[in-house]
Amino acid sequence: MPEPTAAPAVPKARSCPFLPPDGLADIRATAPVTRATFTSGHEAWLVTGYEQVRAALRDPSFSVQVPHALHTQDGVVTQKPGRGSLLWQDEPEHTMDRKLLAKEFTVRRMQALRPNIQRIVDEHLDAIEAQGGPVDLVKTFANPVPSMVISDLFGVPVERRPEFQEIAEAMMRVDQDVAATEAAGMRLGGLLYQLVQERRASPGDDLISALTTTDDPDGVIDDMFLMNAAGTLLIAAHDTTACMLGLGAALLLDRPDQLALLREDPSLIGNAVEELLRYLTIGQFGGERVATRDVELGGVRIAAGEQVVTHVLAADFDPAFVEDPERFDITRRPAPHLAFGFGAHQCIGQQLARIELQIAFETLFRRFPTLRLAKPVEELRFRHDMVFYGVHELAVTW
């Protein structure tokens, strides 16, 4: 009897660096829920249709506590669930802990950060202008701006911020062995433990200090909770926004017609950011889940214990969701994209990210009206080796 044929590998190669990997559209059109083989060598269910991805992300039958890390070479799960670590928690702890953190991320509180974000953006653009072109926009702007914003929010001392940036990059790699990832995690743990102790001893005007004094009748917010919450949010908030700034700038500079529209009408910045988020959806591999019971998804039966990958990038290009999805159009009416996820685990810091992106892009292109790429797109190095897609560097001049 012949052995069963292995499921096809998930497409990764991109003929256009700003579009999803070649072949994903065909998979979505023929089988939006199908078996596939992932980087680790394990087979799992690949979900690419917009409605099917949303259904999986809002269904509590799918747990985030997966047995295998499908997107790494060794398949070893290095992240462990704990109180405060929202990304790796299921109910009921997830809802309880998110509620404790959510009051620090209200729209009103995030809007109050606008003046400080504007100051940080202006200071970095002042330095770029004084230096003169060409410059690496990733090194001088896309990386340090969100790092400064989130470090200010959490009270990370200035002298430790370079180390934090280095750790964040190390923890987002998918092409290294588990020992390197765990070593980066240990360094982050040491930094966060010291930070938590300092804030308990001398509270300041920062999020960690606020959490140490928040109403906590169940006594959940101990040192480990603060370290887990701060680590999760610091790494996620820094790396995602940094990737969007670098990759978004590259895309806008590569599409002069769309950039011209934004320069002519700065009020389009909100629309432009939403279209950038949809079009680039930097979570390039998709979220991992495991079924806790037998469940039907898109007409397909998924057995308890089987893993599922919700490919949000493929979903955001589903023509059933948005017309002509491969057309980048900043005048497009904003649609409910999945760049920030969906359901219980939707990004808690999405309003902060939106504000950062709006201020950064509007100010960058207003202050540098002749900004242009110093290298053709074909020569850019893209982050195929990282959890979040982006550019490793972006040489620009003006």
Protein backbone atom coordinates (compact mmCIF):
# COMPACT_ATOMS: atom_id res chain seq x y z
CA MET A 1 0.00 0.00 0.00
CA PRO A 2 1.55 3.36 -1.02
CA GLU A 3 2.43 5.84 1.74
CA PRO A 4 0.23 8.94 1.94
CA THR A 5 1.56 11.94 0.04
CA ALA A 6 2.87 14.78 2.18
CA ALA A 7 0.87 17.99 2.12
CA PRO A 8 2.42 20.74 -0.05
CA ALA A 9 4.67 23.29 1.60
CA VAL A 10 3.26 26.72 2.47
CA PRO A 11 4.40 29.22 -0.20
CA LYS A 12 7.02 31.74 0.96
CA ALA A 13 8.70 33.13 -2.18
CA ARG A 14 7.51 36.55 -3.34
CA SER A 15 7.94 37.77 -6.91
CA CYS A 16 6.90 41.23 -5.68
CA PRO A 17 8.25 42.05 -2.20
CA PHE A 18 5.16 44.08 -1.33
CA LEU A 19 2.65 41.35 -2.21
CA PRO A 20 1.91 38.01 -0.48
CA PRO A 21 3.95 34.93 -1.46
CA ASP A 22 3.20 33.49 -4.88
CA GLY A 23 0.66 30.68 -4.78
CA LEU A 24 -1.28 31.77 -1.70
CA ALA A 25 -4.06 33.25 -3.83
CA ASP A 26 -4.51 29.95 -5.69
CA ILE A 27 -4.68 28.03 -2.40
CA ARG A 28 -7.25 30.46 -1.01
CA ALA A 29 -9.37 30.26 -4.17
CA THR A 30 -9.43 26.45 -4.29
CA ALA A 31 -9.29 25.45 -0.61
CA PRO A 32 -9.38 28.22 2.01
CA VAL A 33 -8.95 25.53 4.69
CA THR A 34 -6.43 22.89 3.63
CA ARG A 35 -3.54 20.73 4.83
CA ALA A 36 -0.02 22.11 4.39
CA THR A 37 3.55 21.41 5.50
CA PHE A 38 5.28 24.13 7.50
CA THR A 39 8.90 25.16 8.14
CA SER A 40 9.23 22.79 11.11
CA GLY A 41 8.27 19.84 8.89
CA HIS A 42 4.95 19.35 10.67
CA GLU A 43 1.66 19.24 8.81
CA ALA A 44 -1.25 21.38 9.95
CA TRP A 45 -4.34 23.14 8.63
CA LEU A 46 -3.66 26.31 6.64
CA VAL A 47 -6.52 28.84 6.72
CA THR A 48 -6.34 31.58 4.07
CA GLY A 49 -9.92 32.79 3.47
CA TYR A 50 -10.97 36.02 5.20
CA GLU A 51 -14.18 34.69 6.72
CA GLN A 52 -12.56 31.40 7.72
CA VAL A 53 -9.64 33.18 9.42
CA ARG A 54 -12.03 35.44 11.34
CA ALA A 55 -14.11 32.41 12.36
CA ALA A 56 -11.05 30.60 13.71
CA LEU A 57 -9.73 33.66 15.58
CA ARG A 58 -13.01 34.25 17.40
CA ASP A 59 -13.65 30.59 18.25
CA PRO A 60 -12.51 29.69 21.80
CA SER A 61 -12.27 26.06 20.66
CA PHE A 62 -8.87 27.01 19.21
CA SER A 63 -6.15 27.42 21.85
CA VAL A 64 -2.96 29.47 21.52
CA GLN A 65 -1.04 26.88 23.57
CA VAL A 66 0.23 24.87 20.62
CA PRO A 67 2.41 21.72 20.84
CA HIS A 68 4.73 22.69 17.95
CA ALA A 69 6.17 25.99 16.69
CA LEU A 70 5.38 25.48 13.01
CA HIS A 71 7.31 28.48 11.68
CA THR A 72 10.74 27.59 13.11
CA GLN A 73 13.23 24.99 11.93
CA ASP A 74 13.23 22.95 15.15
CA GLY A 75 9.52 23.25 15.94
CA VAL A 76 10.24 23.84 19.64
CA VAL A 77 7.79 26.07 21.50
CA THR A 78 9.87 28.52 23.56
CA GLN A 79 7.05 30.76 24.82
CA LYS A 80 5.37 29.57 28.01
CA PRO A 81 1.96 30.79 29.16
CA GLY A 82 1.91 32.78 32.37
CA ARG A 83 -0.18 35.48 33.99
CA GLY A 84 0.21 38.70 32.00
CA SER A 85 1.54 37.04 28.83
CA LEU A 86 -1.53 37.82 26.73
CA LEU A 87 -0.30 36.30 23.47
CA TRP A 88 0.00 32.81 24.97
CA GLN A 89 -3.02 32.74 27.26
CA ASP A 90 -6.42 31.09 26.87
CA GLU A 91 -9.63 31.77 28.75
CA PRO A 92 -10.40 32.58 31.49
CA GLU A 93 -6.98 33.97 32.45
CA HIS A 94 -6.63 35.86 29.17
CA THR A 95 -9.80 37.90 29.67
CA MET A 96 -8.96 38.61 33.31
CA ASP A 97 -5.43 39.79 32.55
CA ARG A 98 -6.38 41.73 29.44
CA LYS A 99 -8.97 43.62 31.49
CA LEU A 100 -6.27 44.65 33.96
CA LEU A 101 -4.05 45.93 31.13
CA ALA A 102 -6.72 47.38 28.82
CA LYS A 103 -7.45 50.41 30.99
CA GLU A 104 -3.89 51.58 30.35
CA PHE A 105 -4.46 51.38 26.56
CA THR A 106 -7.72 53.29 26.11
CA VAL A 107 -8.11 55.51 23.05
CA ARG A 108 -8.13 58.55 25.32
CA ARG A 109 -4.86 57.61 26.99
CA MET A 110 -3.21 56.83 23.68
CA GLN A 111 -4.37 60.15 22.19
CA ALA A 112 -2.77 61.90 25.15
CA LEU A 113 0.59 60.52 23.98
CA ARG A 114 0.44 62.45 20.69
CA PRO A 115 2.58 65.42 21.84
CA ASN A 116 5.35 63.14 23.09
CA ILE A 117 5.26 61.01 19.92
CA GLN A 118 5.42 64.16 17.80
CA ARG A 119 8.43 65.36 19.81
CA ILE A 120 10.24 62.05 19.33
CA VAL A 121 9.52 62.03 15.59
CA ASP A 122 10.65 65.66 15.21
CA GLU A 123 13.89 65.08 17.10
CA HIS A 124 14.83 62.12 14.92
CA LEU A 125 13.99 63.98 11.71
CA ASP A 126 16.04 66.96 12.94
CA ALA A 127 19.01 64.62 13.35
CA ILE A 128 18.46 63.12 9.89
CA GLU A 129 18.28 66.57 8.31
CA ALA A 130 21.46 67.68 10.07
CA GLN A 131 23.28 64.52 8.97
CA GLY A 132 22.29 64.88 5.32
CA GLY A 133 21.54 62.10 2.86
CA PRO A 134 21.80 59.36 2.09
CA VAL A 135 20.73 57.77 5.39
CA ASP A 136 19.39 54.40 6.47
CA LEU A 137 15.80 55.23 7.41
CA VAL A 138 15.45 51.98 9.39
CA LYS A 139 18.45 52.70 11.60
CA THR A 140 17.79 56.43 12.03
CA PHE A 141 13.99 56.53 12.17
CA ALA A 142 11.90 53.35 11.82
CA ASN A 143 13.65 51.47 14.65
CA PRO A 144 14.44 54.20 17.20
CA VAL A 145 11.12 56.08 17.08
CA PRO A 146 8.86 53.20 18.27
CA SER A 147 11.59 52.07 20.64
CA MET A 148 11.61 55.53 22.27
CA VAL A 149 7.80 55.70 22.38
CA ILE A 150 7.29 52.31 24.03
CA SER A 151 10.32 52.75 26.30
CA ASP A 152 8.92 56.07 27.53
CA LEU A 153 5.55 54.40 28.10
CA PHE A 154 7.13 51.63 30.20
CA GLY A 155 9.81 53.76 31.84
CA VAL A 156 12.81 51.95 30.32
CA PRO A 157 15.93 54.04 31.17
CA VAL A 158 17.65 55.67 28.20
CA GLU A 159 20.93 53.83 28.75
CA ARG A 160 19.20 50.42 28.47
CA ARG A 161 17.25 51.10 25.30
CA PRO A 162 19.94 49.94 22.84
CA GLU A 163 20.08 46.59 24.67
CA PHE A 164 16.31 46.33 24.52
CA GLN A 165 16.32 46.93 20.74
CA GLU A 166 18.99 44.25 20.30
CA ILE A 167 17.00 41.74 22.38
CA ALA A 168 13.78 42.51 20.47
CA GLU A 169 15.43 41.74 17.14
CA ALA A 170 16.98 38.50 18.45
CA MET A 171 13.63 37.25 19.76
CA MET A 172 11.87 37.81 16.42
CA ARG A 173 14.18 35.63 14.32
CA VAL A 174 12.86 32.31 13.00
CA ASP A 175 16.13 31.11 11.42
CA GLN A 176 18.07 30.52 14.66
CA ASP A 177 18.17 27.59 17.07
CA VAL A 178 16.08 27.45 20.21
CA ALA A 179 19.11 28.14 22.43
CA ALA A 180 19.64 31.58 20.86
CA THR A 181 15.98 32.50 21.32
CA GLU A 182 16.00 31.33 24.92
CA ALA A 183 19.22 33.27 25.60
CA ALA A 184 17.56 36.46 24.32
CA GLY A 185 14.57 35.71 26.54
CA MET A 186 16.83 35.32 29.58
CA ARG A 187 18.45 38.69 28.88
CA LEU A 188 15.02 40.29 28.57
CA GLY A 189 13.92 38.68 31.83
CA GLY A 190 16.92 40.11 33.67
CA LEU A 191 16.30 43.58 32.28
CA LEU A 192 12.60 43.46 33.16
CA TYR A 193 13.15 42.11 36.69
CA GLN A 194 15.47 45.00 37.48
CA LEU A 195 13.02 47.47 35.95
CA VAL A 196 10.07 46.12 37.98
CA GLN A 197 12.05 46.32 41.22
CA GLU A 198 13.06 49.91 40.48
CA ARG A 199 9.46 50.91 39.76
CA ARG A 200 8.14 49.26 42.92
CA ALA A 201 10.74 51.13 44.96
CA SER A 202 10.28 54.44 43.15
CA PRO A 203 7.09 54.68 41.05
CA GLY A 204 7.07 57.09 38.12
CA ASP A 205 4.72 58.25 35.39
CA ASP A 206 4.88 55.03 33.39
CA LEU A 207 2.78 51.94 32.71
CA ILE A 208 4.65 49.56 35.04
CA SER A 209 4.26 52.01 37.91
CA ALA A 210 0.57 52.42 37.11
CA LEU A 211 0.07 48.63 37.19
CA THR A 212 1.79 48.32 40.57
CA THR A 213 -0.83 50.65 42.06
CA THR A 214 -3.91 49.50 40.12
CA ASP A 215 -6.94 47.94 41.78
CA ASP A 216 -6.09 44.23 42.02
CA PRO A 217 -8.50 42.49 44.43
CA ASP A 218 -7.34 39.00 43.41
CA GLY A 219 -3.64 39.75 43.92
CA VAL A 220 -2.76 38.79 40.32
CA ILE A 221 -0.26 41.57 39.64
CA ASP A 222 2.92 40.17 41.14
CA ASP A 223 6.46 40.57 39.78
CA MET A 224 6.03 37.74 37.27
CA PHE A 225 2.80 39.25 35.93
CA LEU A 226 4.52 42.61 35.43
CA MET A 227 7.52 41.00 33.74
CA ASN A 228 5.35 38.90 31.41
CA ALA A 229 3.08 41.80 30.49
CA ALA A 230 5.92 44.26 29.98
CA GLY A 231 7.99 41.78 27.96
CA THR A 232 5.11 40.83 25.70
CA LEU A 233 4.04 44.41 25.04
CA LEU A 234 7.53 45.89 24.76
CA ILE A 235 8.70 43.39 22.15
CA ALA A 236 5.45 43.29 20.17
CA ALA A 237 4.87 47.04 20.18
CA HIS A 238 8.41 47.89 19.18
CA ASP A 239 9.05 45.37 16.43
CA THR A 240 5.68 45.60 14.69
CA THR A 241 5.62 49.39 14.47
CA ALA A 242 9.27 49.54 13.42
CA CYS A 243 8.59 47.07 10.60
CA MET A 244 5.54 49.01 9.44
CA LEU A 245 7.47 52.29 9.37
CA GLY A 246 10.33 50.90 7.30
CA LEU A 247 8.25 48.78 4.95
CA GLY A 248 5.51 51.41 4.64
CA ALA A 249 8.02 54.10 3.71
CA ALA A 250 9.55 51.78 1.10
CA LEU A 251 6.13 51.06 -0.43
CA LEU A 252 5.08 54.72 -0.55
CA LEU A 253 8.39 55.74 -2.12
CA ASP A 254 7.94 52.96 -4.67
CA ARG A 255 4.42 54.19 -5.51
CA PRO A 256 4.91 57.92 -6.29
CA ASP A 257 1.31 58.34 -7.47
CA GLN A 258 -0.02 57.33 -4.05
CA LEU A 259 2.60 59.37 -2.20
CA ALA A 260 1.66 62.40 -4.31
CA LEU A 261 -1.96 62.03 -3.22
CA LEU A 262 -0.89 62.03 0.44
CA ARG A 263 1.36 65.05 -0.01
CA GLU A 264 -1.43 66.95 -1.78
CA ASP A 265 -3.99 66.04 0.88
CA PRO A 266 -2.49 65.24 4.31
CA SER A 267 -5.99 64.52 5.64
CA LEU A 268 -5.67 61.17 3.84
CA ILE A 269 -3.14 59.99 6.43
CA GLY A 270 -5.72 57.95 8.36
CA ASN A 271 -6.85 56.16 5.20
CA ALA A 272 -3.26 55.71 4.08
CA VAL A 273 -2.24 54.02 7.33
CA GLU A 274 -5.20 51.62 7.19
CA GLU A 275 -4.38 50.67 3.59
CA LEU A 276 -0.71 50.20 4.49
CA LEU A 277 -1.71 47.95 7.39
CA ARG A 278 -3.97 45.84 5.15
CA TYR A 279 -1.64 45.72 2.16
CA LEU A 280 1.50 44.87 4.10
CA THR A 281 0.01 42.78 6.99
CA ILE A 282 3.47 42.14 8.43
CA GLY A 283 2.53 39.01 10.41
CA GLN A 284 3.77 37.12 7.40
CA PHE A 285 3.43 33.52 8.65
CA GLY A 286 0.09 33.66 10.43
CA GLY A 287 -1.05 32.88 13.95
CA GLU A 288 -0.87 29.36 15.36
CA ARG A 289 -3.72 27.60 17.17
CA VAL A 290 -4.65 24.06 18.18
CA ALA A 291 -8.17 22.64 18.28
CA THR A 292 -9.28 21.66 21.79
CA ARG A 293 -12.23 19.69 20.45
CA ASP A 294 -13.55 18.47 17.10
CA VAL A 295 -14.71 21.55 15.20
CA GLU A 296 -15.88 22.46 11.69
CA LEU A 297 -14.23 25.38 9.94
CA GLY A 298 -15.23 26.42 6.43
CA GLY A 299 -16.94 23.07 5.87
CA VAL A 300 -13.82 21.14 6.93
CA ARG A 301 -13.69 18.95 10.04
CA ILE A 302 -10.70 19.65 12.25
CA ALA A 303 -10.05 17.07 14.94
CA ALA A 304 -9.12 17.85 18.52
CA GLY A 305 -5.34 18.17 18.83
CA GLU A 306 -4.77 19.27 15.22
CA GLN A 307 -2.97 22.56 14.66
CA VAL A 308 -4.26 25.44 12.58
CA VAL A 309 -2.47 28.45 11.08
CA THR A 310 -4.59 31.53 10.46
CA HIS A 311 -2.81 33.27 7.57
CA VAL A 312 -3.94 36.86 8.11
CA LEU A 313 -1.85 38.16 5.19
CA ALA A 314 -3.64 35.85 2.75
CA ALA A 315 -6.97 36.77 4.33
CA ASP A 316 -6.38 40.50 3.87
CA PHE A 317 -5.96 39.87 0.14
CA ASP A 318 -9.14 37.84 -0.19
CA PRO A 319 -11.23 39.36 -3.05
CA ALA A 320 -14.32 38.33 -1.10
CA PHE A 321 -13.18 40.83 1.54
CA VAL A 322 -11.83 43.71 -0.56
CA GLU A 323 -12.18 44.48 -4.28
CA ASP A 324 -9.00 44.31 -6.37
CA PRO A 325 -6.86 43.49 -3.31
CA GLU A 326 -3.50 43.75 -5.08
CA ARG A 327 -4.12 47.42 -5.92
CA PHE A 328 -2.54 49.72 -3.33
CA ASP A 329 -4.94 52.65 -2.98
CA ILE A 330 -4.77 55.10 -0.07
CA THR A 331 -8.16 56.54 -1.09
CA ARG A 332 -9.78 53.14 -0.56
CA ARG A 333 -12.49 53.16 2.08
CA PRO A 334 -10.94 51.54 5.19
CA ALA A 335 -12.04 47.95 5.65
CA PRO A 336 -11.85 45.75 8.78
CA HIS A 337 -8.45 44.22 7.98
CA LEU A 338 -6.78 41.60 10.15
CA ALA A 339 -3.35 43.23 10.53
CA PHE A 340 -4.03 43.56 14.28
CA GLY A 341 -5.67 40.15 14.50
CA PHE A 342 -9.28 39.54 15.48
CA GLY A 343 -11.29 38.23 18.39
CA ALA A 344 -10.08 37.89 21.97
CA HIS A 345 -6.40 38.24 21.04
CA GLN A 346 -6.75 41.33 18.86
CA CYS A 347 -3.79 43.66 19.47
CA ILE A 348 -4.29 45.60 22.69
CA GLY A 349 -1.96 48.38 21.51
CA GLN A 350 -3.45 48.94 18.06
CA GLN A 351 -4.54 52.53 18.79
CA LEU A 352 -1.00 53.44 19.84
CA ALA A 353 0.38 51.87 16.65
CA ARG A 354 -2.07 53.81 14.48
CA ILE A 355 -1.16 57.11 16.15
CA GLU A 356 2.58 56.45 15.77
CA LEU A 357 2.24 55.55 12.10
CA GLN A 358 0.04 58.54 11.32
CA ILE A 359 2.38 61.03 12.99
CA ALA A 360 5.56 59.44 11.64
CA PHE A 361 4.48 59.19 7.98
CA GLU A 362 2.75 62.58 7.86
CA THR A 363 5.74 64.37 9.39
CA LEU A 364 8.36 62.47 7.38
CA PHE A 365 6.87 63.24 3.99
CA ARG A 366 5.92 66.81 4.91
CA ARG A 367 9.42 67.68 6.09
CA PHE A 368 11.19 65.86 3.25
CA PRO A 369 9.06 66.55 0.15
CA THR A 370 11.77 65.26 -2.21
CA LEU A 371 12.54 62.09 -0.24
CA ARG A 372 13.37 59.16 -2.52
CA LEU A 373 14.93 55.72 -2.45
CA ALA A 374 18.74 55.71 -2.77
CA LYS A 375 18.65 52.10 -4.00
CA PRO A 376 16.14 50.36 -6.27
CA VAL A 377 13.61 48.11 -4.55
CA GLU A 378 15.28 45.08 -6.15
CA GLU A 379 18.39 45.72 -4.03
CA LEU A 380 16.58 46.00 -0.69
CA ARG A 381 16.98 43.22 1.89
CA PHE A 382 13.60 42.12 3.18
CA ARG A 383 12.94 40.39 6.51
CA HIS A 384 12.03 36.92 5.22
CA ASP A 385 13.83 35.50 8.27
CA MET A 386 11.78 37.28 10.93
CA VAL A 387 8.37 36.82 12.53
CA PHE A 388 7.33 40.23 11.23
CA TYR A 389 8.03 41.18 7.62
CA GLY A 390 9.86 44.40 6.79
CA VAL A 391 13.15 45.75 5.46
CA HIS A 392 16.50 45.33 7.18
CA GLU A 393 17.64 48.72 5.96
CA LEU A 394 16.25 51.48 3.73
CA ALA A 395 18.71 53.88 2.13
CA VAL A 396 17.01 57.17 1.25
CA THR A 397 18.10 60.61 0.11
CA TRP A 398 16.48 63.92 -0.81
